[in-house]
């Protein structure tokens, strides 16, 4: 079973994302902030789903860190945000996909499946 680490500071959205992934056969690992990522104190999942606008460390900064850290640099990262027009920033930090809120469950799961296929 593939493991997805979800970092979202809105508890309601975090719960919903966990349910979506669990029902789709993933093991969801929910977190309300990403400070622990910078310290490298976590079990490495198959996929990261990170909200851009987090309290504390910004989601784009987390993605940039994950993509520059050798143990996670090859892992896919999906950035979620209500902010449109982030294509340039998303590319600069190395994210593999971007979904603008609100997005459909199907779009989220399709991106996750495409990015974790073969992993």
PDB file of N, CA and C in Angstrom:
ATOM      1  N   UNK A   1       0.842  -1.181   0.000  1.00  0.00           N
ATOM      2  CA  UNK A   1       0.000   0.000   0.000  1.00  0.00           C
ATOM      3  C   UNK A   1       0.884   1.240   0.000  1.00  0.00           C
ATOM      4  N   UNK A   2       0.615   2.147  -0.923  1.00  0.00           N
ATOM      5  CA  UNK A   2       1.416   3.372  -1.026  1.00  0.00           C
ATOM      6  C   UNK A   2       1.041   4.338   0.097  1.00  0.00           C
ATOM      7  N   UNK A   3       2.070   5.047   0.574  1.00  0.00           N
ATOM      8  CA  UNK A   3       1.882   5.982   1.678  1.00  0.00           C
ATOM      9  C   UNK A   3       1.998   7.416   1.166  1.00  0.00           C
ATOM     10  N   UNK A   4       1.026   8.242   1.539  1.00  0.00           N
ATOM     11  CA  UNK A   4       1.029   9.644   1.134  1.00  0.00           C
ATOM     12  C   UNK A   4       1.063  10.514   2.385  1.00  0.00           C
ATOM     13  N   UNK A   5       2.061  11.403   2.441  1.00  0.00           N
ATOM     14  CA  UNK A   5       2.151  12.350   3.540  1.00  0.00           C
ATOM     15  C   UNK A   5       1.434  13.621   3.107  1.00  0.00           C
ATOM     16  N   UNK A   6       0.419  13.997   3.895  1.00  0.00           N
ATOM     17  CA  UNK A   6      -0.391  15.176   3.600  1.00  0.00           C
ATOM     18  C   UNK A   6      -0.054  16.242   4.637  1.00  0.00           C
ATOM     19  N   UNK A   7       0.339  17.417   4.149  1.00  0.00           N
ATOM     20  CA  UNK A   7       0.649  18.525   5.053  1.00  0.00           C
ATOM     21  C   UNK A   7      -0.306  19.666   4.703  1.00  0.00           C
ATOM     22  N   UNK A   8      -1.253  19.882   5.593  1.00  0.00           N
ATOM     23  CA  UNK A   8      -2.331  20.866   5.403  1.00  0.00           C
ATOM     24  C   UNK A   8      -2.697  21.416   6.770  1.00  0.00           C
ATOM     25  N   UNK A   9      -2.680  22.750   6.919  1.00  0.00           N
ATOM     26  CA  UNK A   9      -2.926  23.309   8.252  1.00  0.00           C
ATOM     27  C   UNK A   9      -4.394  23.506   8.604  1.00  0.00           C
ATOM     28  N   UNK A  10      -5.294  23.305   7.658  1.00  0.00           N
ATOM     29  CA  UNK A  10      -6.724  23.368   7.951  1.00  0.00           C
ATOM     30  C   UNK A  10      -7.185  21.962   8.331  1.00  0.00           C
ATOM     31  N   UNK A  11      -7.546  21.743   9.608  1.00  0.00           N
ATOM     32  CA  UNK A  11      -7.893  20.389  10.063  1.00  0.00           C
ATOM     33  C   UNK A  11      -9.034  19.748   9.276  1.00  0.00           C
ATOM     34  N   UNK A  12     -10.022  20.536   8.858  1.00  0.00           N
ATOM     35  CA  UNK A  12     -11.140  19.971   8.098  1.00  0.00           C
ATOM     36  C   UNK A  12     -10.678  19.467   6.731  1.00  0.00           C
ATOM     37  N   UNK A  13      -9.866  20.267   6.061  1.00  0.00           N
ATOM     38  CA  UNK A  13      -9.347  19.850   4.749  1.00  0.00           C
ATOM     39  C   UNK A  13      -8.413  18.660   4.921  1.00  0.00           C
ATOM     40  N   UNK A  14      -7.603  18.677   5.955  1.00  0.00           N
ATOM     41  CA  UNK A  14      -6.694  17.561   6.226  1.00  0.00           C
ATOM     42  C   UNK A  14      -7.481  16.263   6.421  1.00  0.00           C
ATOM     43  N   UNK A  15      -8.568  16.328   7.181  1.00  0.00           N
ATOM     44  CA  UNK A  15      -9.409  15.145   7.387  1.00  0.00           C
ATOM     45  C   UNK A  15      -9.991  14.632   6.074  1.00  0.00           C
ATOM     46  N   UNK A  16     -10.500  15.552   5.262  1.00  0.00           N
ATOM     47  CA  UNK A  16     -11.098  15.167   3.985  1.00  0.00           C
ATOM     48  C   UNK A  16     -10.050  14.532   3.071  1.00  0.00           C
ATOM     49  N   UNK A  17      -8.875  15.137   2.992  1.00  0.00           N
ATOM     50  CA  UNK A  17      -7.816  14.569   2.152  1.00  0.00           C
ATOM     51  C   UNK A  17      -7.430  13.175   2.645  1.00  0.00           C
ATOM     52  N   UNK A  18      -7.346  13.000   3.948  1.00  0.00           N
ATOM     53  CA  UNK A  18      -7.042  11.681   4.501  1.00  0.00           C
ATOM     54  C   UNK A  18      -8.080  10.653   4.107  1.00  0.00           C
ATOM     55  N   UNK A  19      -9.349  11.029   4.187  1.00  0.00           N
ATOM     56  CA  UNK A  19     -10.431  10.115   3.802  1.00  0.00           C
ATOM     57  C   UNK A  19     -10.337   9.764   2.320  1.00  0.00           C
ATOM     58  N   UNK A  20     -10.112  10.764   1.484  1.00  0.00           N
ATOM     59  CA  UNK A  20     -10.004  10.531   0.034  1.00  0.00           C
ATOM     60  C   UNK A  20      -8.902   9.516  -0.263  1.00  0.00           C
ATOM     61  N   UNK A  21      -7.736   9.732   0.316  1.00  0.00           N
ATOM     62  CA  UNK A  21      -6.619   8.828   0.041  1.00  0.00           C
ATOM     63  C   UNK A  21      -6.826   7.449   0.664  1.00  0.00           C
ATOM     64  N   UNK A  22      -7.328   7.398   1.888  1.00  0.00           N
ATOM     65  CA  UNK A  22      -7.567   6.099   2.514  1.00  0.00           C
ATOM     66  C   UNK A  22      -8.573   5.266   1.722  1.00  0.00           C
ATOM     67  N   UNK A  23      -9.645   5.885   1.271  1.00  0.00           N
ATOM     68  CA  UNK A  23     -10.659   5.172   0.477  1.00  0.00           C
ATOM     69  C   UNK A  23     -10.113   4.701  -0.861  1.00  0.00           C
ATOM     70  N   UNK A  24      -9.098   5.402  -1.366  1.00  0.00           N
ATOM     71  CA  UNK A  24      -8.497   5.027  -2.651  1.00  0.00           C
ATOM     72  C   UNK A  24      -7.392   3.982  -2.483  1.00  0.00           C
ATOM     73  N   UNK A  25      -7.185   3.520  -1.250  1.00  0.00           N
ATOM     74  CA  UNK A  25      -6.210   2.457  -1.030  1.00  0.00           C
ATOM     75  C   UNK A  25      -4.829   2.914  -0.607  1.00  0.00           C
ATOM     76  N   UNK A  26      -4.677   4.177  -0.318  1.00  0.00           N
ATOM     77  CA  UNK A  26      -3.401   4.703   0.179  1.00  0.00           C
ATOM     78  C   UNK A  26      -3.417   4.694   1.708  1.00  0.00           C
ATOM     79  N   UNK A  27      -2.256   4.770   2.289  1.00  0.00           N
ATOM     80  CA  UNK A  27      -2.146   5.038   3.717  1.00  0.00           C
ATOM     81  C   UNK A  27      -1.837   6.516   3.854  1.00  0.00           C
ATOM     82  N   UNK A  28      -2.770   7.268   4.433  1.00  0.00           N
ATOM     83  CA  UNK A  28      -2.584   8.709   4.605  1.00  0.00           C
ATOM     84  C   UNK A  28      -1.841   8.982   5.910  1.00  0.00           C
ATOM     85  N   UNK A  29      -0.843   9.862   5.815  1.00  0.00           N
ATOM     86  CA  UNK A  29      -0.065  10.278   6.982  1.00  0.00           C
ATOM     87  C   UNK A  29      -0.279  11.791   7.108  1.00  0.00           C
ATOM     88  N   UNK A  30      -1.235  12.220   7.955  1.00  0.00           N
ATOM     89  CA  UNK A  30      -1.583  13.638   8.035  1.00  0.00           C
ATOM     90  C   UNK A  30      -0.729  14.435   9.021  1.00  0.00           C
ATOM     91  N   UNK A  31      -0.443  15.685   8.618  1.00  0.00           N
ATOM     92  CA  UNK A  31       0.284  16.618   9.490  1.00  0.00           C
ATOM     93  C   UNK A  31      -0.272  18.018   9.260  1.00  0.00           C
ATOM     94  N   UNK A  32      -0.322  18.807  10.330  1.00  0.00           N
ATOM     95  CA  UNK A  32      -0.832  20.175  10.207  1.00  0.00           C
ATOM     96  C   UNK A  32       0.255  21.213   9.941  1.00  0.00           C
ATOM     97  N   UNK A  33       1.511  20.828  10.024  1.00  0.00           N
ATOM     98  CA  UNK A  33       2.595  21.730   9.635  1.00  0.00           C
ATOM     99  C   UNK A  33       3.776  20.882   9.172  1.00  0.00           C
ATOM    100  N   UNK A  34       4.733  21.543   8.538  1.00  0.00           N
ATOM    101  CA  UNK A  34       5.843  20.806   7.960  1.00  0.00           C
ATOM    102  C   UNK A  34       7.185  21.053   8.592  1.00  0.00           C
ATOM    103  N   UNK A  35       7.200  21.611   9.794  1.00  0.00           N
ATOM    104  CA  UNK A  35       8.474  21.922  10.437  1.00  0.00           C
ATOM    105  C   UNK A  35       9.371  20.690  10.580  1.00  0.00           C
ATOM    106  N   UNK A  36       8.778  19.549  10.861  1.00  0.00           N
ATOM    107  CA  UNK A  36       9.545  18.318  11.049  1.00  0.00           C
ATOM    108  C   UNK A  36      10.269  17.891   9.771  1.00  0.00           C
ATOM    109  N   UNK A  37       9.755  18.313   8.628  1.00  0.00           N
ATOM    110  CA  UNK A  37      10.386  17.979   7.342  1.00  0.00           C
ATOM    111  C   UNK A  37      11.799  18.565   7.292  1.00  0.00           C
ATOM    112  N   UNK A  38      11.937  19.810   7.724  1.00  0.00           N
ATOM    113  CA  UNK A  38      13.234  20.478   7.677  1.00  0.00           C
ATOM    114  C   UNK A  38      14.253  19.812   8.588  1.00  0.00           C
ATOM    115  N   UNK A  39      13.774  19.121   9.603  1.00  0.00           N
ATOM    116  CA  UNK A  39      14.654  18.417  10.527  1.00  0.00           C
ATOM    117  C   UNK A  39      14.932  16.984  10.076  1.00  0.00           C
ATOM    118  N   UNK A  40      14.249  16.532   9.034  1.00  0.00           N
ATOM    119  CA  UNK A  40      14.451  15.182   8.526  1.00  0.00           C
ATOM    120  C   UNK A  40      13.979  14.098   9.468  1.00  0.00           C
ATOM    121  N   UNK A  41      13.018  14.423  10.321  1.00  0.00           N
ATOM    122  CA  UNK A  41      12.544  13.468  11.324  1.00  0.00           C
ATOM    123  C   UNK A  41      11.191  12.886  10.916  1.00  0.00           C
ATOM    124  N   UNK A  42      11.226  12.007   9.913  1.00  0.00           N
ATOM    125  CA  UNK A  42       9.990  11.390   9.451  1.00  0.00           C
ATOM    126  C   UNK A  42      10.312  10.152   8.623  1.00  0.00           C
ATOM    127  N   UNK A  43       9.315   9.249   8.559  1.00  0.00           N
ATOM    128  CA  UNK A  43       9.442   8.104   7.672  1.00  0.00           C
ATOM    129  C   UNK A  43       9.093   8.569   6.271  1.00  0.00           C
ATOM    130  N   UNK A  44       9.898   8.193   5.324  1.00  0.00           N
ATOM    131  CA  UNK A  44       9.732   8.680   3.961  1.00  0.00           C
ATOM    132  C   UNK A  44       8.566   7.954   3.278  1.00  0.00           C
ATOM    133  N   UNK A  45       7.576   8.733   2.774  1.00  0.00           N
ATOM    134  CA  UNK A  45       6.423   8.148   2.094  1.00  0.00           C
ATOM    135  C   UNK A  45       6.695   7.949   0.602  1.00  0.00           C
ATOM    136  N   UNK A  46       5.666   7.549  -0.122  1.00  0.00           N
ATOM    137  CA  UNK A  46       5.756   7.404  -1.580  1.00  0.00           C
ATOM    138  C   UNK A  46       5.385   8.697  -2.307  1.00  0.00           C
ATOM    139  N   UNK A  47       4.669   9.578  -1.611  1.00  0.00           N
ATOM    140  CA  UNK A  47       4.150  10.803  -2.218  1.00  0.00           C
ATOM    141  C   UNK A  47       3.940  11.849  -1.128  1.00  0.00           C
ATOM    142  N   UNK A  48       4.197  13.117  -1.480  1.00  0.00           N
ATOM    143  CA  UNK A  48       3.897  14.235  -0.591  1.00  0.00           C
ATOM    144  C   UNK A  48       2.789  15.069  -1.234  1.00  0.00           C
ATOM    145  N   UNK A  49       1.796  15.443  -0.436  1.00  0.00           N
ATOM    146  CA  UNK A  49       0.761  16.391  -0.849  1.00  0.00           C
ATOM    147  C   UNK A  49       0.838  17.535   0.148  1.00  0.00           C
ATOM    148  N   UNK A  50       1.197  18.729  -0.354  1.00  0.00           N
ATOM    149  CA  UNK A  50       1.505  19.852   0.530  1.00  0.00           C
ATOM    150  C   UNK A  50       0.704  21.082   0.121  1.00  0.00           C
ATOM    151  N   UNK A  51       0.034  21.677   1.099  1.00  0.00           N
ATOM    152  CA  UNK A  51      -0.646  22.950   0.872  1.00  0.00           C
ATOM    153  C   UNK A  51       0.408  24.049   0.778  1.00  0.00           C
ATOM    154  N   UNK A  52       0.211  24.973  -0.134  1.00  0.00           N
ATOM    155  CA  UNK A  52       1.182  26.059  -0.276  1.00  0.00           C
ATOM    156  C   UNK A  52       1.169  26.987   0.931  1.00  0.00           C
ATOM    157  N   UNK A  53      -0.021  27.361   1.367  1.00  0.00           N
ATOM    158  CA  UNK A  53      -0.163  28.363   2.415  1.00  0.00           C
ATOM    159  C   UNK A  53      -0.276  27.688   3.783  1.00  0.00           C
ATOM    160  N   UNK A  54       0.845  27.407   4.391  1.00  0.00           N
ATOM    161  CA  UNK A  54       0.885  26.775   5.708  1.00  0.00           C
ATOM    162  C   UNK A  54       1.276  27.801   6.757  1.00  0.00           C
ATOM    163  N   UNK A  55       0.845  27.563   7.993  1.00  0.00           N
ATOM    164  CA  UNK A  55       1.359  28.393   9.078  1.00  0.00           C
ATOM    165  C   UNK A  55       2.770  27.882   9.370  1.00  0.00           C
ATOM    166  N   UNK A  56       3.681  28.778   9.583  1.00  0.00           N
ATOM    167  CA  UNK A  56       5.072  28.362   9.761  1.00  0.00           C
ATOM    168  C   UNK A  56       5.764  28.311   8.416  1.00  0.00           C
ATOM    169  N   UNK A  57       6.377  27.188   8.128  1.00  0.00           N
ATOM    170  CA  UNK A  57       7.123  27.023   6.875  1.00  0.00           C
ATOM    171  C   UNK A  57       6.157  26.953   5.689  1.00  0.00           C
ATOM    172  N   UNK A  58       6.426  27.735   4.653  1.00  0.00           N
ATOM    173  CA  UNK A  58       5.607  27.757   3.442  1.00  0.00           C
ATOM    174  C   UNK A  58       5.724  26.430   2.694  1.00  0.00           C
ATOM    175  N   UNK A  59       4.633  25.998   2.075  1.00  0.00           N
ATOM    176  CA  UNK A  59       4.623  24.742   1.337  1.00  0.00           C
ATOM    177  C   UNK A  59       5.633  24.694   0.192  1.00  0.00           C
ATOM    178  N   UNK A  60       5.855  25.827  -0.462  1.00  0.00           N
ATOM    179  CA  UNK A  60       6.844  25.849  -1.544  1.00  0.00           C
ATOM    180  C   UNK A  60       8.256  25.662  -0.994  1.00  0.00           C
ATOM    181  N   UNK A  61       8.517  26.233   0.180  1.00  0.00           N
ATOM    182  CA  UNK A  61       9.829  26.039   0.812  1.00  0.00           C
ATOM    183  C   UNK A  61      10.028  24.577   1.214  1.00  0.00           C
ATOM    184  N   UNK A  62       8.952  23.938   1.684  1.00  0.00           N
ATOM    185  CA  UNK A  62       9.043  22.507   2.013  1.00  0.00           C
ATOM    186  C   UNK A  62       9.360  21.689   0.770  1.00  0.00           C
ATOM    187  N   UNK A  63       8.668  22.000  -0.320  1.00  0.00           N
ATOM    188  CA  UNK A  63       8.904  21.278  -1.564  1.00  0.00           C
ATOM    189  C   UNK A  63      10.349  21.456  -2.024  1.00  0.00           C
ATOM    190  N   UNK A  64      10.825  22.678  -1.988  1.00  0.00           N
ATOM    191  CA  UNK A  64      12.207  22.949  -2.403  1.00  0.00           C
ATOM    192  C   UNK A  64      13.187  22.151  -1.553  1.00  0.00           C
ATOM    193  N   UNK A  65      12.934  22.093  -0.249  1.00  0.00           N
ATOM    194  CA  UNK A  65      13.792  21.315   0.647  1.00  0.00           C
ATOM    195  C   UNK A  65      13.741  19.826   0.286  1.00  0.00           C
ATOM    196  N   UNK A  66      12.537  19.300   0.100  1.00  0.00           N
ATOM    197  CA  UNK A  66      12.393  17.873  -0.229  1.00  0.00           C
ATOM    198  C   UNK A  66      13.104  17.531  -1.536  1.00  0.00           C
ATOM    199  N   UNK A  67      13.005  18.407  -2.510  1.00  0.00           N
ATOM    200  CA  UNK A  67      13.614  18.146  -3.814  1.00  0.00           C
ATOM    201  C   UNK A  67      15.138  18.316  -3.791  1.00  0.00           C
ATOM    202  N   UNK A  68      15.654  19.009  -2.779  1.00  0.00           N
ATOM    203  CA  UNK A  68      17.106  19.186  -2.694  1.00  0.00           C
ATOM    204  C   UNK A  68      17.759  18.205  -1.712  1.00  0.00           C
ATOM    205  N   UNK A  69      16.967  17.494  -0.934  1.00  0.00           N
ATOM    206  CA  UNK A  69      17.483  16.548   0.060  1.00  0.00           C
ATOM    207  C   UNK A  69      17.581  15.174  -0.587  1.00  0.00           C
ATOM    208  N   UNK A  70      18.773  14.572  -0.683  1.00  0.00           N
ATOM    209  CA  UNK A  70      18.945  13.311  -1.410  1.00  0.00           C
ATOM    210  C   UNK A  70      17.962  12.181  -1.071  1.00  0.00           C
ATOM    211  N   UNK A  71      17.596  11.946   0.191  1.00  0.00           N
ATOM    212  CA  UNK A  71      16.666  10.843   0.455  1.00  0.00           C
ATOM    213  C   UNK A  71      15.258  11.046  -0.128  1.00  0.00           C
ATOM    214  N   UNK A  72      14.873  12.302  -0.417  1.00  0.00           N
ATOM    215  CA  UNK A  72      13.522  12.560  -0.922  1.00  0.00           C
ATOM    216  C   UNK A  72      13.507  13.242  -2.286  1.00  0.00           C
ATOM    217  N   UNK A  73      14.638  13.539  -2.853  1.00  0.00           N
ATOM    218  CA  UNK A  73      14.689  14.326  -4.085  1.00  0.00           C
ATOM    219  C   UNK A  73      13.961  13.664  -5.258  1.00  0.00           C
ATOM    220  N   UNK A  74      13.871  12.346  -5.244  1.00  0.00           N
ATOM    221  CA  UNK A  74      13.227  11.614  -6.332  1.00  0.00           C
ATOM    222  C   UNK A  74      11.733  11.401  -6.126  1.00  0.00           C
ATOM    223  N   UNK A  75      11.220  11.768  -4.954  1.00  0.00           N
ATOM    224  CA  UNK A  75       9.815  11.512  -4.639  1.00  0.00           C
ATOM    225  C   UNK A  75       8.904  12.606  -5.182  1.00  0.00           C
ATOM    226  N   UNK A  76       7.707  12.228  -5.632  1.00  0.00           N
ATOM    227  CA  UNK A  76       6.788  13.218  -6.180  1.00  0.00           C
ATOM    228  C   UNK A  76       6.147  14.086  -5.098  1.00  0.00           C
ATOM    229  N   UNK A  77       5.925  15.353  -5.488  1.00  0.00           N
ATOM    230  CA  UNK A  77       5.286  16.321  -4.604  1.00  0.00           C
ATOM    231  C   UNK A  77       4.150  16.984  -5.378  1.00  0.00           C
ATOM    232  N   UNK A  78       2.959  16.984  -4.769  1.00  0.00           N
ATOM    233  CA  UNK A  78       1.813  17.711  -5.302  1.00  0.00           C
ATOM    234  C   UNK A  78       1.585  18.910  -4.390  1.00  0.00           C
ATOM    235  N   UNK A  79       1.528  20.105  -4.986  1.00  0.00           N
ATOM    236  CA  UNK A  79       1.241  21.321  -4.230  1.00  0.00           C
ATOM    237  C   UNK A  79      -0.230  21.672  -4.441  1.00  0.00           C
ATOM    238  N   UNK A  80      -0.914  21.988  -3.345  1.00  0.00           N
ATOM    239  CA  UNK A  80      -2.300  22.434  -3.378  1.00  0.00           C
ATOM    240  C   UNK A  80      -2.337  23.899  -2.973  1.00  0.00           C
ATOM    241  N   UNK A  81      -3.177  24.691  -3.644  1.00  0.00           N
ATOM    242  CA  UNK A  81      -3.282  26.093  -3.259  1.00  0.00           C
ATOM    243  C   UNK A  81      -4.547  26.717  -3.815  1.00  0.00           C
ATOM    244  N   UNK A  82      -5.089  27.663  -3.075  1.00  0.00           N
ATOM    245  CA  UNK A  82      -6.210  28.468  -3.558  1.00  0.00           C
ATOM    246  C   UNK A  82      -5.694  29.649  -4.383  1.00  0.00           C
ATOM    247  N   UNK A  83      -4.392  29.844  -4.392  1.00  0.00           N
ATOM    248  CA  UNK A  83      -3.770  30.928  -5.150  1.00  0.00           C
ATOM    249  C   UNK A  83      -3.547  30.490  -6.594  1.00  0.00           C
ATOM    250  N   UNK A  84      -4.169  31.166  -7.552  1.00  0.00           N
ATOM    251  CA  UNK A  84      -3.960  30.795  -8.953  1.00  0.00           C
ATOM    252  C   UNK A  84      -2.617  31.316  -9.471  1.00  0.00           C
ATOM    253  N   UNK A  85      -2.263  30.891 -10.648  1.00  0.00           N
ATOM    254  CA  UNK A  85      -1.094  31.407 -11.363  1.00  0.00           C
ATOM    255  C   UNK A  85       0.225  31.170 -10.629  1.00  0.00           C
ATOM    256  N   UNK A  86       0.416  29.971 -10.138  1.00  0.00           N
ATOM    257  CA  UNK A  86       1.663  29.643  -9.439  1.00  0.00           C
ATOM    258  C   UNK A  86       2.617  28.824 -10.307  1.00  0.00           C
ATOM    259  N   UNK A  87       2.323  28.686 -11.576  1.00  0.00           N
ATOM    260  CA  UNK A  87       3.093  27.784 -12.434  1.00  0.00           C
ATOM    261  C   UNK A  87       4.601  28.040 -12.361  1.00  0.00           C
ATOM    262  N   UNK A  88       5.013  29.274 -12.413  1.00  0.00           N
ATOM    263  CA  UNK A  88       6.449  29.583 -12.398  1.00  0.00           C
ATOM    264  C   UNK A  88       7.058  29.181 -11.054  1.00  0.00           C
ATOM    265  N   UNK A  89       6.399  29.546  -9.964  1.00  0.00           N
ATOM    266  CA  UNK A  89       6.915  29.204  -8.637  1.00  0.00           C
ATOM    267  C   UNK A  89       6.949  27.689  -8.424  1.00  0.00           C
ATOM    268  N   UNK A  90       5.929  27.010  -8.877  1.00  0.00           N
ATOM    269  CA  UNK A  90       5.847  25.553  -8.730  1.00  0.00           C
ATOM    270  C   UNK A  90       7.020  24.897  -9.458  1.00  0.00           C
ATOM    271  N   UNK A  91       7.291  25.379 -10.655  1.00  0.00           N
ATOM    272  CA  UNK A  91       8.404  24.832 -11.438  1.00  0.00           C
ATOM    273  C   UNK A  91       9.747  25.112 -10.755  1.00  0.00           C
ATOM    274  N   UNK A  92       9.904  26.311 -10.211  1.00  0.00           N
ATOM    275  CA  UNK A  92      11.169  26.695  -9.566  1.00  0.00           C
ATOM    276  C   UNK A  92      11.504  25.820  -8.362  1.00  0.00           C
ATOM    277  N   UNK A  93      10.501  25.366  -7.621  1.00  0.00           N
ATOM    278  CA  UNK A  93      10.767  24.551  -6.428  1.00  0.00           C
ATOM    279  C   UNK A  93      10.777  23.058  -6.743  1.00  0.00           C
ATOM    280  N   UNK A  94      10.463  22.695  -7.985  1.00  0.00           N
ATOM    281  CA  UNK A  94      10.563  21.304  -8.396  1.00  0.00           C
ATOM    282  C   UNK A  94       9.340  20.440  -8.144  1.00  0.00           C
ATOM    283  N   UNK A  95       8.193  21.057  -7.831  1.00  0.00           N
ATOM    284  CA  UNK A  95       6.982  20.266  -7.607  1.00  0.00           C
ATOM    285  C   UNK A  95       6.607  19.507  -8.875  1.00  0.00           C
ATOM    286  N   UNK A  96       6.041  18.349  -8.684  1.00  0.00           N
ATOM    287  CA  UNK A  96       5.668  17.498  -9.820  1.00  0.00           C
ATOM    288  C   UNK A  96       4.270  17.795 -10.337  1.00  0.00           C
ATOM    289  N   UNK A  97       3.423  18.377  -9.487  1.00  0.00           N
ATOM    290  CA  UNK A  97       2.063  18.709  -9.902  1.00  0.00           C
ATOM    291  C   UNK A  97       1.534  19.833  -9.020  1.00  0.00           C
ATOM    292  N   UNK A  98       0.540  20.548  -9.560  1.00  0.00           N
ATOM    293  CA  UNK A  98      -0.123  21.625  -8.833  1.00  0.00           C
ATOM    294  C   UNK A  98      -1.615  21.489  -9.066  1.00  0.00           C
ATOM    295  N   UNK A  99      -2.379  21.540  -7.993  1.00  0.00           N
ATOM    296  CA  UNK A  99      -3.835  21.555  -8.098  1.00  0.00           C
ATOM    297  C   UNK A  99      -4.351  22.788  -7.383  1.00  0.00           C
ATOM    298  N   UNK A 100      -5.153  23.560  -8.112  1.00  0.00           N
ATOM    299  CA  UNK A 100      -5.738  24.758  -7.535  1.00  0.00           C
ATOM    300  C   UNK A 100      -7.032  24.399  -6.821  1.00  0.00           C
ATOM    301  N   UNK A 101      -7.164  24.876  -5.583  1.00  0.00           N
ATOM    302  CA  UNK A 101      -8.392  24.653  -4.817  1.00  0.00           C
ATOM    303  C   UNK A 101      -9.483  25.564  -5.369  1.00  0.00           C
ATOM    304  N   UNK A 102     -10.703  25.110  -5.479  1.00  0.00           N
ATOM    305  CA  UNK A 102     -11.140  23.737  -5.204  1.00  0.00           C
ATOM    306  C   UNK A 102     -10.814  22.834  -6.386  1.00  0.00           C
ATOM    307  N   UNK A 103     -10.490  21.606  -6.105  1.00  0.00           N
ATOM    308  CA  UNK A 103     -10.189  20.618  -7.137  1.00  0.00           C
ATOM    309  C   UNK A 103     -11.082  19.409  -6.888  1.00  0.00           C
ATOM    310  N   UNK A 104     -11.191  18.568  -7.889  1.00  0.00           N
ATOM    311  CA  UNK A 104     -12.028  17.378  -7.724  1.00  0.00           C
ATOM    312  C   UNK A 104     -11.206  16.247  -7.102  1.00  0.00           C
ATOM    313  N   UNK A 105     -11.888  15.391  -6.388  1.00  0.00           N
ATOM    314  CA  UNK A 105     -11.229  14.208  -5.823  1.00  0.00           C
ATOM    315  C   UNK A 105     -10.572  13.396  -6.932  1.00  0.00           C
ATOM    316  N   UNK A 106     -11.263  13.279  -8.070  1.00  0.00           N
ATOM    317  CA  UNK A 106     -10.720  12.505  -9.185  1.00  0.00           C
ATOM    318  C   UNK A 106      -9.423  13.096  -9.711  1.00  0.00           C
ATOM    319  N   UNK A 107      -9.353  14.427  -9.814  1.00  0.00           N
ATOM    320  CA  UNK A 107      -8.117  15.065 -10.293  1.00  0.00           C
ATOM    321  C   UNK A 107      -6.963  14.813  -9.329  1.00  0.00           C
ATOM    322  N   UNK A 108      -7.245  14.888  -8.037  1.00  0.00           N
ATOM    323  CA  UNK A 108      -6.218  14.638  -7.029  1.00  0.00           C
ATOM    324  C   UNK A 108      -5.721  13.196  -7.112  1.00  0.00           C
ATOM    325  N   UNK A 109      -6.640  12.266  -7.164  1.00  0.00           N
ATOM    326  CA  UNK A 109      -6.249  10.846  -7.206  1.00  0.00           C
ATOM    327  C   UNK A 109      -5.579  10.479  -8.521  1.00  0.00           C
ATOM    328  N   UNK A 110      -6.021  11.093  -9.602  1.00  0.00           N
ATOM    329  CA  UNK A 110      -5.367  10.831 -10.893  1.00  0.00           C
ATOM    330  C   UNK A 110      -3.917  11.308 -10.858  1.00  0.00           C
ATOM    331  N   UNK A 111      -3.683  12.501 -10.328  1.00  0.00           N
ATOM    332  CA  UNK A 111      -2.314  13.017 -10.220  1.00  0.00           C
ATOM    333  C   UNK A 111      -1.484  12.103  -9.326  1.00  0.00           C
ATOM    334  N   UNK A 112      -2.051  11.671  -8.210  1.00  0.00           N
ATOM    335  CA  UNK A 112      -1.327  10.791  -7.285  1.00  0.00           C
ATOM    336  C   UNK A 112      -0.971   9.472  -7.962  1.00  0.00           C
ATOM    337  N   UNK A 113      -1.914   8.896  -8.681  1.00  0.00           N
ATOM    338  CA  UNK A 113      -1.656   7.609  -9.354  1.00  0.00           C
ATOM    339  C   UNK A 113      -0.581   7.762 -10.426  1.00  0.00           C
ATOM    340  N   UNK A 114      -0.675   8.824 -11.211  1.00  0.00           N
ATOM    341  CA  UNK A 114       0.316   9.044 -12.270  1.00  0.00           C
ATOM    342  C   UNK A 114       1.723   9.222 -11.681  1.00  0.00           C
ATOM    343  N   UNK A 115       1.806   9.934 -10.579  1.00  0.00           N
ATOM    344  CA  UNK A 115       3.106  10.225  -9.991  1.00  0.00           C
ATOM    345  C   UNK A 115       3.699   9.051  -9.204  1.00  0.00           C
ATOM    346  N   UNK A 116       2.861   8.158  -8.729  1.00  0.00           N
ATOM    347  CA  UNK A 116       3.371   7.021  -7.949  1.00  0.00           C
ATOM    348  C   UNK A 116       3.399   5.736  -8.752  1.00  0.00           C
ATOM    349  N   UNK A 117       2.973   5.798  -9.997  1.00  0.00           N
ATOM    350  CA  UNK A 117       2.983   4.591 -10.833  1.00  0.00           C
ATOM    351  C   UNK A 117       4.398   4.051 -10.978  1.00  0.00           C
ATOM    352  N   UNK A 118       4.569   2.804 -10.634  1.00  0.00           N
ATOM    353  CA  UNK A 118       5.885   2.185 -10.748  1.00  0.00           C
ATOM    354  C   UNK A 118       6.754   2.376  -9.524  1.00  0.00           C
ATOM    355  N   UNK A 119       6.258   3.019  -8.497  1.00  0.00           N
ATOM    356  CA  UNK A 119       7.041   3.225  -7.278  1.00  0.00           C
ATOM    357  C   UNK A 119       6.630   2.190  -6.258  1.00  0.00           C
TER     358      UNK A 119
END
